[in-house]
Each structure stands twice: as structure tokens, then as C-alpha cells.
Amino acid sequence: MTIEAPDSGTIADVQRQLERQLEERLAVLQELEPFALPSVDPVAYQSAASHRAAIEQISAALNRIAGGTYGQCTRCGRQIAPARLEVLPHAAACIECQSHADAA
């Protein structure tokens, strides 16, 4: 099975989508920050941590777009399936590599 790399039009659309997601997550994180202490609000603390992790993943995907490596698995170098990128545009690994990482 051959997987094709995303074309430049698709990449531009994905970049806009990721930038929008990044802005939304940063705005939510900014609202959570004053309360995001385990002793003050443990739910806000966990939510903030989740948003920070997503922000890192989205930022890394934007860096891969800028570097021309978006859509390539950061572990094995093969192309990530377009269906996976459609569902999870900031995916850094192909499903096989991600499955191995999750099992470890």
C-alpha cells in the first residue's frame, strides 16, 4: 500500500487549522492559569496540563510544516496515512509506530 504525501494546498489548509487550534488552546490555557494549581483546583490543573501537551504537539506539527517534513513519521520516516492526519492533524507518528509506543 502506497501512501502519498499531502500536497501544498492541503498543507496550507492544515497549517491554518493547526494555527486556529493553537490560538484556541492558548486562550483556554490563559483562562485556566490563575486556577491551575493542584491545591486550588485540581481539575483546572489537569486541564491546563492537557492543554499544554496539546500546544506542544500542535507547535511541533507547525514546525514540521515549516521544515517540510509534515506527514512523515518522526520515528520511522514513512508517510503517515492521510486518514490519520485528517483525524489528528498534529500526529507525529504513523499508526504502527504509535501503537508500539503506546504498548511500551
Protein backbone atom coordinates (compact mmCIF):
# COMPACT_ATOMS: atom_id res chain seq x y z
CA MET A 1 0.00 0.00 0.00
CA THR A 2 1.43 3.37 -1.04
CA ILE A 3 0.67 6.46 0.96
CA GLU A 4 1.07 9.79 -0.76
CA ALA A 5 2.41 12.90 0.93
CA PRO A 6 -0.08 15.75 1.40
CA ASP A 7 0.01 18.34 -1.39
CA SER A 8 0.82 22.02 -0.78
CA GLY A 9 -2.85 23.11 -0.92
CA THR A 10 -3.72 20.57 1.74
CA ILE A 11 -0.70 21.59 3.81
CA ALA A 12 -1.81 25.24 3.77
CA ASP A 13 -5.28 24.20 4.94
CA VAL A 14 -3.80 22.04 7.69
CA GLN A 15 -1.50 24.86 8.75
CA ARG A 16 -4.44 27.24 9.11
CA GLN A 17 -6.38 24.62 11.06
CA LEU A 18 -3.44 23.97 13.39
CA GLU A 19 -2.83 27.69 13.91
CA ARG A 20 -6.50 28.12 14.82
CA GLN A 21 -6.34 25.19 17.25
CA LEU A 22 -3.19 26.62 18.78
CA GLU A 23 -4.81 30.02 19.32
CA GLU A 24 -7.88 28.40 20.91
CA ARG A 25 -5.80 26.23 23.25
CA LEU A 26 -3.61 29.18 24.24
CA ALA A 27 -6.71 31.25 25.07
CA VAL A 28 -8.18 28.46 27.21
CA LEU A 29 -4.84 27.95 28.95
CA GLN A 30 -4.60 31.65 29.71
CA GLU A 31 -8.02 31.50 31.39
CA LEU A 32 -7.08 28.38 33.38
CA GLU A 33 -3.64 29.51 34.54
CA PRO A 34 -4.77 31.53 37.60
CA PHE A 35 -6.60 28.49 38.97
CA ALA A 36 -4.35 25.72 37.69
CA LEU A 37 -2.77 24.72 40.98
CA PRO A 38 -3.30 21.26 42.45
CA SER A 39 -4.22 22.75 45.83
CA VAL A 40 -6.61 25.36 44.38
CA ASP A 41 -8.40 23.50 41.57
CA PRO A 42 -7.16 20.03 40.68
CA VAL A 43 -9.48 19.81 37.66
CA ALA A 44 -8.16 23.09 36.23
CA TYR A 45 -4.63 21.85 36.95
CA GLN A 46 -5.18 18.65 34.94
CA SER A 47 -6.99 20.51 32.18
CA ALA A 48 -4.14 23.01 31.91
CA ALA A 49 -1.63 20.17 31.70
CA SER A 50 -3.66 18.58 28.91
CA HIS A 51 -3.80 21.87 27.01
CA ARG A 52 -0.03 22.37 27.43
CA ALA A 53 0.64 18.92 25.97
CA ALA A 54 -1.66 19.62 23.01
CA ILE A 55 0.01 23.01 22.47
CA GLU A 56 3.41 21.29 22.31
CA GLN A 57 2.11 18.73 19.79
CA ILE A 58 0.46 21.39 17.62
CA SER A 59 3.57 23.58 17.73
CA ALA A 60 5.71 20.60 16.73
CA ALA A 61 3.37 19.90 13.79
CA LEU A 62 3.64 23.54 12.67
CA ASN A 63 7.44 23.22 12.89
CA ARG A 64 7.27 20.08 10.72
CA ILE A 65 5.21 22.00 8.17
CA ALA A 66 7.79 24.79 8.16
CA GLY A 67 10.59 22.24 7.83
CA GLY A 68 8.90 20.36 5.01
CA THR A 69 8.57 17.11 6.96
CA TYR A 70 4.86 17.26 7.80
CA GLY A 71 3.16 13.95 7.15
CA GLN A 72 6.31 11.90 7.74
CA CYS A 73 6.54 9.70 10.81
CA THR A 74 9.13 11.13 13.20
CA ARG A 75 10.04 7.60 14.29
CA CYS A 76 10.39 5.56 11.08
CA GLY A 77 10.30 8.25 8.37
CA ARG A 78 7.43 6.71 6.39
CA GLN A 79 4.39 8.73 5.36
CA ILE A 80 1.57 8.95 7.89
CA ALA A 81 -1.74 7.80 6.44
CA PRO A 82 -3.84 10.76 5.23
CA ALA A 83 -6.85 9.42 7.17
CA ARG A 84 -4.81 9.57 10.40
CA LEU A 85 -3.73 13.15 9.66
CA GLU A 86 -7.30 14.09 8.86
CA VAL A 87 -8.43 12.90 12.30
CA LEU A 88 -5.31 14.01 14.17
CA PRO A 89 -3.56 16.73 12.15
CA HIS A 90 -0.77 17.07 14.70
CA ALA A 91 0.09 13.33 14.62
CA ALA A 92 3.84 12.87 14.68
CA ALA A 93 3.93 9.11 14.18
CA CYS A 94 2.34 6.60 11.86
CA ILE A 95 -0.21 4.31 13.44
CA GLU A 96 2.24 1.40 13.60
CA CYS A 97 4.91 3.38 15.44
CA GLN A 98 2.33 4.99 17.71
CA SER A 99 0.90 1.57 18.57
CA HIS A 100 4.39 0.35 19.53
CA ALA A 101 4.98 3.46 21.63
CA ASP A 102 1.61 3.08 23.40
CA ALA A 103 2.32 -0.61 24.13
CA ALA A 104 5.69 0.19 25.72
